[in-house]
């Protein structure tokens, strides 16, 4: 994937994630099926929850909203959803 820019997401002075936008108008961009310049191709966010149940419920809501979610262990005790 070809990236044109990255947008850092902040909340209350804390970085909570990033959005990545595709390169536009180049031969490489036309050979790949990438979204338009105002739509991110990838967004990564992080969250902290009060307890394991709240974290689990948030992952379930994300999975229900997605099309093909997968969970990945980032490190012991930290699980991501893609």
C-alpha atoms as a PDB file:
ATOM      1  CA  UNK A   1       0.000   0.000   0.000  1.00  0.00           C
ATOM      2  CA  UNK A   2       1.234   3.481  -0.813  1.00  0.00           C
ATOM      3  CA  UNK A   3       0.708   6.086   1.892  1.00  0.00           C
ATOM      4  CA  UNK A   4       0.387   9.806   1.244  1.00  0.00           C
ATOM      5  CA  UNK A   5      -0.038  11.037   4.793  1.00  0.00           C
ATOM      6  CA  UNK A   6      -0.639  10.051   8.397  1.00  0.00           C
ATOM      7  CA  UNK A   7      -3.050  11.802  10.754  1.00  0.00           C
ATOM      8  CA  UNK A   8      -2.368  11.455  14.488  1.00  0.00           C
ATOM      9  CA  UNK A   9      -5.528  11.193  16.627  1.00  0.00           C
ATOM     10  CA  UNK A  10      -5.371  12.928  20.001  1.00  0.00           C
ATOM     11  CA  UNK A  11      -7.809  13.211  22.862  1.00  0.00           C
ATOM     12  CA  UNK A  12      -7.148  15.438  25.854  1.00  0.00           C
ATOM     13  CA  UNK A  13      -3.484  15.845  24.910  1.00  0.00           C
ATOM     14  CA  UNK A  14      -2.921  12.077  24.640  1.00  0.00           C
ATOM     15  CA  UNK A  15      -2.270  10.252  21.368  1.00  0.00           C
ATOM     16  CA  UNK A  16      -4.962   7.594  20.973  1.00  0.00           C
ATOM     17  CA  UNK A  17      -4.334   6.453  17.406  1.00  0.00           C
ATOM     18  CA  UNK A  18      -3.488   7.177  13.775  1.00  0.00           C
ATOM     19  CA  UNK A  19      -5.184   7.287  10.386  1.00  0.00           C
ATOM     20  CA  UNK A  20      -3.271   6.403   7.225  1.00  0.00           C
ATOM     21  CA  UNK A  21      -4.298   7.820   3.832  1.00  0.00           C
ATOM     22  CA  UNK A  22      -3.469   6.374   0.403  1.00  0.00           C
ATOM     23  CA  UNK A  23      -1.259   8.001  -2.199  1.00  0.00           C
ATOM     24  CA  UNK A  24      -3.327   9.502  -5.018  1.00  0.00           C
ATOM     25  CA  UNK A  25      -2.695  10.206  -8.699  1.00  0.00           C
ATOM     26  CA  UNK A  26       0.335   8.000  -9.350  1.00  0.00           C
ATOM     27  CA  UNK A  27       0.675   4.865 -11.507  1.00  0.00           C
ATOM     28  CA  UNK A  28       1.191   2.868  -8.310  1.00  0.00           C
ATOM     29  CA  UNK A  29      -2.066   4.187  -6.852  1.00  0.00           C
ATOM     30  CA  UNK A  30      -4.067   3.328  -9.982  1.00  0.00           C
ATOM     31  CA  UNK A  31      -2.778  -0.269 -10.009  1.00  0.00           C
ATOM     32  CA  UNK A  32      -4.090  -0.830  -6.475  1.00  0.00           C
ATOM     33  CA  UNK A  33      -7.673  -0.546  -5.311  1.00  0.00           C
ATOM     34  CA  UNK A  34      -7.329   2.276  -2.800  1.00  0.00           C
ATOM     35  CA  UNK A  35      -9.957   4.627  -1.384  1.00  0.00           C
ATOM     36  CA  UNK A  36     -10.108   8.325  -2.212  1.00  0.00           C
ATOM     37  CA  UNK A  37      -7.935  11.026  -0.631  1.00  0.00           C
ATOM     38  CA  UNK A  38     -10.356  11.911   2.187  1.00  0.00           C
ATOM     39  CA  UNK A  39     -11.005   8.324   3.319  1.00  0.00           C
ATOM     40  CA  UNK A  40      -8.378   6.575   5.463  1.00  0.00           C
ATOM     41  CA  UNK A  41      -7.237   3.144   4.349  1.00  0.00           C
ATOM     42  CA  UNK A  42      -6.287   2.154   7.896  1.00  0.00           C
ATOM     43  CA  UNK A  43      -7.181   3.537  11.306  1.00  0.00           C
ATOM     44  CA  UNK A  44      -5.550   2.379  14.518  1.00  0.00           C
ATOM     45  CA  UNK A  45      -6.852   3.470  17.913  1.00  0.00           C
ATOM     46  CA  UNK A  46      -6.123   2.433  21.469  1.00  0.00           C
ATOM     47  CA  UNK A  47      -8.411   2.405  24.475  1.00  0.00           C
ATOM     48  CA  UNK A  48      -8.153   1.642  28.157  1.00  0.00           C
ATOM     49  CA  UNK A  49     -11.077  -0.018  29.911  1.00  0.00           C
ATOM     50  CA  UNK A  50     -12.032  -0.288  33.562  1.00  0.00           C
ATOM     51  CA  UNK A  51     -11.828  -4.080  33.613  1.00  0.00           C
ATOM     52  CA  UNK A  52     -11.571  -7.201  31.450  1.00  0.00           C
ATOM     53  CA  UNK A  53     -15.343  -7.460  30.959  1.00  0.00           C
ATOM     54  CA  UNK A  54     -15.609  -3.903  29.629  1.00  0.00           C
ATOM     55  CA  UNK A  55     -12.691  -4.575  27.252  1.00  0.00           C
ATOM     56  CA  UNK A  56     -14.277  -7.832  26.071  1.00  0.00           C
ATOM     57  CA  UNK A  57     -17.634  -6.126  25.443  1.00  0.00           C
ATOM     58  CA  UNK A  58     -15.922  -3.376  23.424  1.00  0.00           C
ATOM     59  CA  UNK A  59     -14.178  -6.014  21.268  1.00  0.00           C
ATOM     60  CA  UNK A  60     -17.478  -7.790  20.696  1.00  0.00           C
ATOM     61  CA  UNK A  61     -19.089  -4.522  19.551  1.00  0.00           C
ATOM     62  CA  UNK A  62     -16.189  -3.893  17.160  1.00  0.00           C
ATOM     63  CA  UNK A  63     -16.385  -7.425  15.809  1.00  0.00           C
ATOM     64  CA  UNK A  64     -20.124  -7.115  15.219  1.00  0.00           C
ATOM     65  CA  UNK A  65     -19.575  -3.858  13.295  1.00  0.00           C
ATOM     66  CA  UNK A  66     -16.733  -5.251  11.135  1.00  0.00           C
ATOM     67  CA  UNK A  67     -16.758  -7.549   8.149  1.00  0.00           C
ATOM     68  CA  UNK A  68     -14.034 -10.061   9.049  1.00  0.00           C
ATOM     69  CA  UNK A  69     -12.468  -9.295  12.436  1.00  0.00           C
ATOM     70  CA  UNK A  70      -9.467 -11.141  13.878  1.00  0.00           C
ATOM     71  CA  UNK A  71      -7.891 -10.871  17.322  1.00  0.00           C
ATOM     72  CA  UNK A  72      -4.108 -10.683  17.706  1.00  0.00           C
ATOM     73  CA  UNK A  73      -2.083 -10.829  20.897  1.00  0.00           C
ATOM     74  CA  UNK A  74       0.195  -7.796  20.858  1.00  0.00           C
ATOM     75  CA  UNK A  75       1.922  -8.847  24.068  1.00  0.00           C
ATOM     76  CA  UNK A  76       0.832 -10.667  27.224  1.00  0.00           C
ATOM     77  CA  UNK A  77      -2.376  -9.055  28.424  1.00  0.00           C
ATOM     78  CA  UNK A  78      -2.850  -6.854  25.320  1.00  0.00           C
ATOM     79  CA  UNK A  79      -5.098  -8.059  22.504  1.00  0.00           C
ATOM     80  CA  UNK A  80      -5.821  -6.143  19.290  1.00  0.00           C
ATOM     81  CA  UNK A  81      -8.670  -6.501  16.818  1.00  0.00           C
ATOM     82  CA  UNK A  82      -8.124  -6.103  13.088  1.00  0.00           C
END
